């Protein structure tokens, strides 16, 4: 991904987060796992042809097909609560699987899986077979509608793409409202504090500080080419916002406690920010709920 707030903020496309996407997915056949014929016509981790309500490029992850490339799930139906192999292909304009990619943040393709209520978040790195089939082991914790977001750059393409498709998990559905996290969250014994705001249509600086047992963590380890990776998803349609780290070269950046990102929110609304950071050889994920603009009008309801 150009993945860090790559936000911004799940991946959206934290996006996806970010129901337009739901309609798009079904209209193009993602519900059945059958890909629509690719249509010509995203941007390097920032948008697609078309515009958001703010007049800017449409955020990533809202389309199953863009610029001649299509995300095709082998099976868009699964059962919650059990490990499953998620298999898919990226089809080119000729309908054949793409087998040549440019590495971005140390990976050829980044995969985000998030439910519509943004209660969970998975950042996966699938493996690719020689025939272009990607596969990733995942476990969907609860029933519901999920968005699968593939972030990649084909060989010979200047700007990367983020494509999205719907994944349906059978079971007892119990959607929940977005949690009110405030500016500080605790995960796995670490405390992460967020400073900065998302401003619709304008770049902003988001700084996240990591501490443990009351002491700043100053020995973070590089993860995906930086000391932190941030995905932002817009609540309501899971639009995927690419957030960029302030400095993509760990060797020239202090290894904590602060990790800074530049992010632009495409519209007023609620967003979920997912920060991945690595310490003592383990990757941890801190999740925040933030609003952009006029208090997001009202809390997101389900």
Protein backbone atom coordinates (compact mmCIF):
# COMPACT_ATOMS: atom_id res chain seq x y z
CA UNK A 1 0.00 0.00 0.00
CA UNK A 2 1.24 3.19 -0.27
CA UNK A 3 0.32 2.55 2.95
CA UNK A 4 1.10 4.51 5.56
CA UNK A 5 -2.14 7.63 6.37
CA UNK A 6 -2.38 5.97 3.47
CA UNK A 7 -5.46 7.97 5.57
CA UNK A 8 -5.58 8.16 6.12
CA UNK A 9 -6.98 6.28 7.96
CA UNK A 10 -8.19 -0.06 6.91
CA UNK A 11 -7.33 0.80 5.69
CA UNK A 12 -10.67 2.85 3.67
CA UNK A 13 -9.73 2.61 2.09
CA UNK A 14 -9.11 2.05 6.99
CA UNK A 15 -12.68 2.14 2.23
CA UNK A 16 -13.41 1.53 2.52
CA UNK A 17 -14.78 2.85 5.78
CA UNK A 18 -14.93 4.59 4.69
CA UNK A 19 -23.14 2.06 1.45
CA UNK A 20 -22.12 3.40 -1.86
CA UNK A 21 -19.41 0.79 -1.96
CA UNK A 22 -21.90 -1.92 -1.12
CA UNK A 23 -24.02 -0.90 -4.07
CA UNK A 24 -21.02 -0.69 -6.32
CA UNK A 25 -19.82 -4.12 -5.29
CA UNK A 26 -23.14 -5.78 -6.00
CA UNK A 27 -23.73 -3.89 -9.18
CA UNK A 28 -20.45 -5.16 -10.55
CA UNK A 29 -20.91 -8.73 -9.41
CA UNK A 30 -18.72 -8.90 -6.33
CA UNK A 31 -21.54 -10.53 -4.42
CA UNK A 32 -21.26 -13.64 -6.55
CA UNK A 33 -17.52 -13.57 -6.87
CA UNK A 34 -17.84 -13.20 -10.63
CA UNK A 35 -15.87 -10.30 -11.99
CA UNK A 36 -17.42 -7.83 -14.34
CA UNK A 37 -15.59 -7.17 -17.56
CA UNK A 38 -12.83 -4.67 -16.74
CA UNK A 39 -13.57 -1.13 -17.70
CA UNK A 40 -10.86 1.16 -18.81
CA UNK A 41 -10.03 3.79 -16.75
CA UNK A 42 -7.24 5.11 -9.88
CA UNK A 43 -4.66 6.99 -8.81
CA UNK A 44 -1.52 6.31 -6.97
CA UNK A 45 -2.98 5.48 -3.64
CA UNK A 46 -5.25 8.46 -3.71
CA UNK A 47 -8.30 7.95 -5.86
CA UNK A 48 -10.05 6.81 -8.99
CA UNK A 49 -11.66 8.48 -11.92
CA UNK A 50 -14.71 10.29 -10.62
CA UNK A 51 -15.04 12.58 -7.66
CA UNK A 52 -16.01 12.53 -4.03
CA UNK A 53 -18.64 14.94 -2.73
CA UNK A 54 -15.86 17.40 -1.96
CA UNK A 55 -14.96 17.65 -5.64
CA UNK A 56 -11.68 15.75 -5.32
CA UNK A 57 -10.74 12.33 -6.68
CA UNK A 58 -12.91 9.44 -5.52
CA UNK A 59 -11.18 7.58 -2.65
CA UNK A 60 -9.84 4.11 -3.30
CA UNK A 61 -11.64 0.86 -2.62
CA UNK A 62 -15.10 1.94 -3.79
CA UNK A 63 -14.84 0.16 -7.14
CA UNK A 64 -14.30 -3.47 -8.05
CA UNK A 65 -12.92 -2.45 -11.43
CA UNK A 66 -10.83 0.57 -12.42
CA UNK A 67 -8.44 1.58 -15.19
CA UNK A 68 -8.79 -1.80 -16.87
CA UNK A 69 -8.07 -3.86 -13.74
CA UNK A 70 -10.62 -5.95 -11.83
CA UNK A 71 -10.58 -7.62 -8.41
CA UNK A 72 -12.09 -11.10 -8.78
CA UNK A 73 -12.80 -13.15 -5.63
CA UNK A 74 -12.92 -16.91 -6.12
CA UNK A 75 -15.76 -17.11 -3.58
CA UNK A 76 -17.51 -14.13 -2.03
CA UNK A 77 -19.34 -16.28 0.55
CA UNK A 78 -17.87 -17.78 3.72
CA UNK A 79 -18.74 -18.62 7.32
CA UNK A 80 -17.70 -16.51 10.27
CA UNK A 81 -15.71 -17.92 13.16
CA UNK A 82 -13.57 -20.40 11.26
CA UNK A 83 -10.29 -20.04 9.36
CA UNK A 84 -10.76 -19.72 5.63
CA UNK A 85 -8.52 -19.38 2.59
CA UNK A 86 -9.35 -16.17 0.77
CA UNK A 87 -8.39 -16.55 -2.88
CA UNK A 88 -8.59 -13.95 -5.62
CA UNK A 89 -7.05 -12.63 -8.82
CA UNK A 90 -6.35 -9.22 -10.29
CA UNK A 91 -7.52 -9.35 -13.91
CA UNK A 92 -6.11 -7.10 -16.58
CA UNK A 93 -8.02 -5.48 -19.45
CA UNK A 94 -7.60 -8.71 -21.45
CA UNK A 95 -9.32 -10.73 -18.71
CA UNK A 96 -6.15 -12.57 -17.77
CA UNK A 97 -4.66 -12.62 -14.26
CA UNK A 98 -1.90 -10.10 -13.65
CA UNK A 99 1.39 -11.80 -12.71
CA UNK A 100 3.86 -8.90 -12.69
CA UNK A 101 3.77 -6.25 -9.96
CA UNK A 102 5.91 -3.49 -8.49
CA UNK A 103 6.71 -3.86 -4.79
CA UNK A 104 5.26 -1.10 -2.60
CA UNK A 105 6.21 -0.94 1.07
CA UNK A 106 8.12 -4.19 0.63
CA UNK A 107 5.13 -6.13 -0.76
CA UNK A 108 3.61 -6.65 -4.21
CA UNK A 109 0.08 -6.42 -2.83
CA UNK A 110 -1.47 -5.34 0.46
CA UNK A 111 -4.86 -6.76 1.46
CA UNK A 112 -7.22 -5.11 3.94
CA UNK A 113 -10.29 -6.94 5.27
CA UNK A 114 -12.76 -4.98 7.41
CA UNK A 115 -16.46 -5.40 8.33
CA UNK A 116 -18.98 -2.69 7.52
CA UNK A 117 -19.16 -1.60 11.16
CA UNK A 118 -15.34 -1.30 11.26
CA UNK A 119 -15.20 -3.24 14.51
CA UNK A 120 -12.14 -5.20 13.35
CA UNK A 121 -9.32 -4.78 10.86
CA UNK A 122 -6.94 -7.18 9.16
CA UNK A 123 -3.90 -6.18 7.12
CA UNK A 124 -2.81 -9.28 5.23
CA UNK A 125 0.02 -10.05 2.84
CA UNK A 126 -1.22 -12.84 0.56
CA UNK A 127 1.03 -15.09 -1.48
CA UNK A 128 0.84 -15.24 -5.27
CA UNK A 129 0.99 -18.40 -7.33
CA UNK A 130 2.65 -18.41 -10.74
CA UNK A 131 -0.76 -18.29 -12.46
CA UNK A 132 -1.62 -14.99 -10.71
CA UNK A 133 -3.87 -16.44 -8.00
CA UNK A 134 -3.45 -14.74 -4.62
CA UNK A 135 -4.31 -16.52 -1.37
CA UNK A 136 -4.41 -15.48 2.28
CA UNK A 137 -5.47 -17.30 5.42
CA UNK A 138 -8.01 -15.30 7.38
CA UNK A 139 -10.50 -15.75 10.19
CA UNK A 140 -13.56 -13.51 10.17
CA UNK A 141 -14.53 -13.15 13.84
CA UNK A 142 -18.20 -12.27 13.32
CA UNK A 143 -20.95 -12.59 10.74
CA UNK A 144 -21.67 -9.71 8.43
CA UNK A 145 -20.69 -7.85 5.29
CA UNK A 146 -16.97 -7.32 4.85
CA UNK A 147 -15.00 -5.26 2.40
CA UNK A 148 -11.89 -6.75 0.81
CA UNK A 149 -9.44 -4.10 -0.40
CA UNK A 150 -6.49 -4.90 -2.63
CA UNK A 151 -3.77 -2.24 -2.85
CA UNK A 152 -1.22 -2.84 -5.62
CA UNK A 153 0.75 -1.40 -8.52
CA UNK A 154 1.04 -3.50 -11.70
CA UNK A 155 4.37 -3.50 -13.51
CA UNK A 156 4.65 -0.60 -15.93
CA UNK A 157 1.96 1.44 -14.17
CA UNK A 158 2.91 4.76 -12.62
CA UNK A 159 0.06 5.13 -10.18
CA UNK A 160 -1.15 2.33 -7.91
CA UNK A 161 -4.73 1.13 -7.51
CA UNK A 162 -6.99 0.12 -4.65
CA UNK A 163 -9.87 -2.13 -5.68
CA UNK A 164 -12.64 -3.36 -3.37
CA UNK A 165 -15.13 -6.24 -3.34
CA UNK A 166 -17.77 -7.46 -0.89
CA UNK A 167 -17.29 -10.63 1.16
CA UNK A 168 -20.31 -12.14 2.92
CA UNK A 169 -19.80 -14.07 6.18
CA UNK A 170 -22.73 -16.18 7.37
CA UNK A 171 -23.65 -16.39 11.05
CA UNK A 172 -25.35 -14.46 13.83
CA UNK A 173 -25.01 -10.82 12.85
CA UNK A 174 -24.65 -8.32 15.70
CA UNK A 175 -23.45 -4.99 14.27
CA UNK A 176 -22.14 -2.40 16.70
CA UNK A 177 -21.77 1.39 16.51
CA UNK A 178 -18.35 2.93 16.11
CA UNK A 179 -16.53 3.01 19.45
CA UNK A 180 -15.68 6.35 21.01
CA UNK A 181 -11.94 5.95 21.49
CA UNK A 182 -10.87 9.47 22.33
CA UNK A 183 -7.28 10.46 21.69
CA UNK A 184 -5.60 7.65 23.64
CA UNK A 185 -5.97 3.91 23.21
CA UNK A 186 -4.30 0.93 24.85
CA UNK A 187 -3.34 -2.21 22.95
CA UNK A 188 -1.26 -5.17 24.15
CA UNK A 189 0.11 -3.12 27.03
CA UNK A 190 1.10 -0.16 24.84
CA UNK A 191 -0.47 3.30 25.07
CA UNK A 192 -0.85 5.18 21.79
CA UNK A 193 -1.82 8.85 21.70
CA UNK A 194 -3.07 10.70 18.64
CA UNK A 195 -2.33 14.35 17.95
CA UNK A 196 -3.68 16.24 14.94
CA UNK A 197 -6.93 16.32 12.99
CA UNK A 198 -8.38 15.25 9.68
CA UNK A 199 -9.54 18.22 7.63
CA UNK A 200 -11.79 17.67 4.60
CA UNK A 201 -10.00 18.55 1.39
CA UNK A 202 -6.75 19.67 3.00
CA UNK A 203 -3.61 17.78 4.01
CA UNK A 204 -3.04 17.50 7.73
CA UNK A 205 -0.41 16.08 10.03
CA UNK A 206 -1.30 13.15 12.27
CA UNK A 207 1.24 12.24 14.93
CA UNK A 208 0.94 9.08 16.99
CA UNK A 209 3.08 8.54 20.08
CA UNK A 210 3.79 5.11 21.53
CA UNK A 211 4.61 4.43 25.19
CA UNK A 212 4.73 1.43 27.49
CA UNK A 213 4.56 1.34 31.27
CA UNK A 214 4.59 5.13 31.27
CA UNK A 215 7.82 5.38 29.28
CA UNK A 216 8.20 6.44 25.63
CA UNK A 217 9.09 3.61 23.24
CA UNK A 218 12.22 4.71 21.41
CA UNK A 219 13.23 1.45 19.75
CA UNK A 220 10.40 0.75 17.32
CA UNK A 221 11.29 -1.61 14.48
CA UNK A 222 10.68 -0.89 10.79
CA UNK A 223 7.44 -2.36 9.46
CA UNK A 224 6.71 -2.26 5.74
CA UNK A 225 9.54 0.16 5.20
CA UNK A 226 8.66 2.64 7.97
CA UNK A 227 8.25 2.78 11.74
CA UNK A 228 4.50 2.69 11.39
CA UNK A 229 1.80 2.05 8.86
CA UNK A 230 -1.51 3.91 8.98
CA UNK A 231 -4.76 3.02 7.21
CA UNK A 232 -7.87 5.19 7.36
CA UNK A 233 -11.34 4.00 6.43
CA UNK A 234 -14.41 6.21 6.11
CA UNK A 235 -17.45 5.03 8.06
CA UNK A 236 -20.46 4.36 5.86
CA UNK A 237 -18.77 3.19 2.67
CA UNK A 238 -15.30 2.08 3.78
CA UNK A 239 -13.52 4.42 1.41
CA UNK A 240 -9.82 3.66 1.66
CA UNK A 241 -7.59 6.61 2.42
CA UNK A 242 -3.92 6.28 1.71
CA UNK A 243 -1.85 7.89 4.37
CA UNK A 244 1.74 8.72 3.80
CA UNK A 245 4.44 8.64 6.49
CA UNK A 246 6.24 11.90 7.07
CA UNK A 247 9.51 10.11 6.31
CA UNK A 248 9.59 6.83 4.41
CA UNK A 249 13.24 6.14 5.24
CA UNK A 250 13.59 4.59 8.73
CA UNK A 251 17.33 5.13 8.72
CA UNK A 252 16.80 8.90 8.76
CA UNK A 253 13.96 8.89 11.30
CA UNK A 254 13.98 8.43 15.08
CA UNK A 255 12.57 4.97 16.01
CA UNK A 256 9.83 6.42 18.19
CA UNK A 257 8.09 7.38 20.22
CA UNK A 258 6.42 9.59 17.60
CA UNK A 259 5.26 8.41 14.17
CA UNK A 260 3.97 11.14 11.86
CA UNK A 261 1.75 10.88 8.78
CA UNK A 262 0.29 13.26 6.23
CA UNK A 263 -3.37 12.59 5.47
CA UNK A 264 -6.29 14.20 3.67
CA UNK A 265 -9.93 13.40 4.40
CA UNK A 266 -12.05 13.55 1.24
CA UNK A 267 -15.17 14.67 3.10
CA UNK A 268 -16.81 15.50 6.41
CA UNK A 269 -17.53 12.30 8.30
CA UNK A 270 -16.37 9.68 10.77
CA UNK A 271 -13.23 7.68 10.12
CA UNK A 272 -11.44 4.76 11.69
CA UNK A 273 -7.65 4.96 11.86
CA UNK A 274 -5.62 1.78 12.18
CA UNK A 275 -1.96 2.13 13.13
CA UNK A 276 0.33 -0.87 12.74
CA UNK A 277 3.64 -0.62 14.60
CA UNK A 278 6.32 -3.18 15.40
CA UNK A 279 8.16 -3.59 18.69
CA UNK A 280 10.14 -6.52 20.04
CA UNK A 281 9.43 -8.46 16.85
CA UNK A 282 5.64 -8.24 17.20
CA UNK A 283 3.22 -6.12 15.17
CA UNK A 284 0.51 -4.34 17.15
CA UNK A 285 -2.55 -2.46 15.86
CA UNK A 286 -4.04 0.60 17.56
CA UNK A 287 -7.47 1.78 16.36
CA UNK A 288 -8.96 5.27 16.69
CA UNK A 289 -12.34 6.79 15.79
CA UNK A 290 -12.03 10.37 14.56
CA UNK A 291 -14.23 12.91 12.82
CA UNK A 292 -13.39 15.27 10.01
CA UNK A 293 -15.18 18.56 9.56
CA UNK A 294 -18.18 19.79 11.49
CA UNK A 295 -18.23 17.10 14.14
CA UNK A 296 -19.26 14.67 11.40
CA UNK A 297 -22.80 16.03 11.76
CA UNK A 298 -23.77 13.19 14.12
CA UNK A 299 -22.37 9.89 15.39
CA UNK A 300 -22.46 7.10 12.82
CA UNK A 301 -25.52 4.92 13.29
CA UNK A 302 -26.21 1.35 12.20
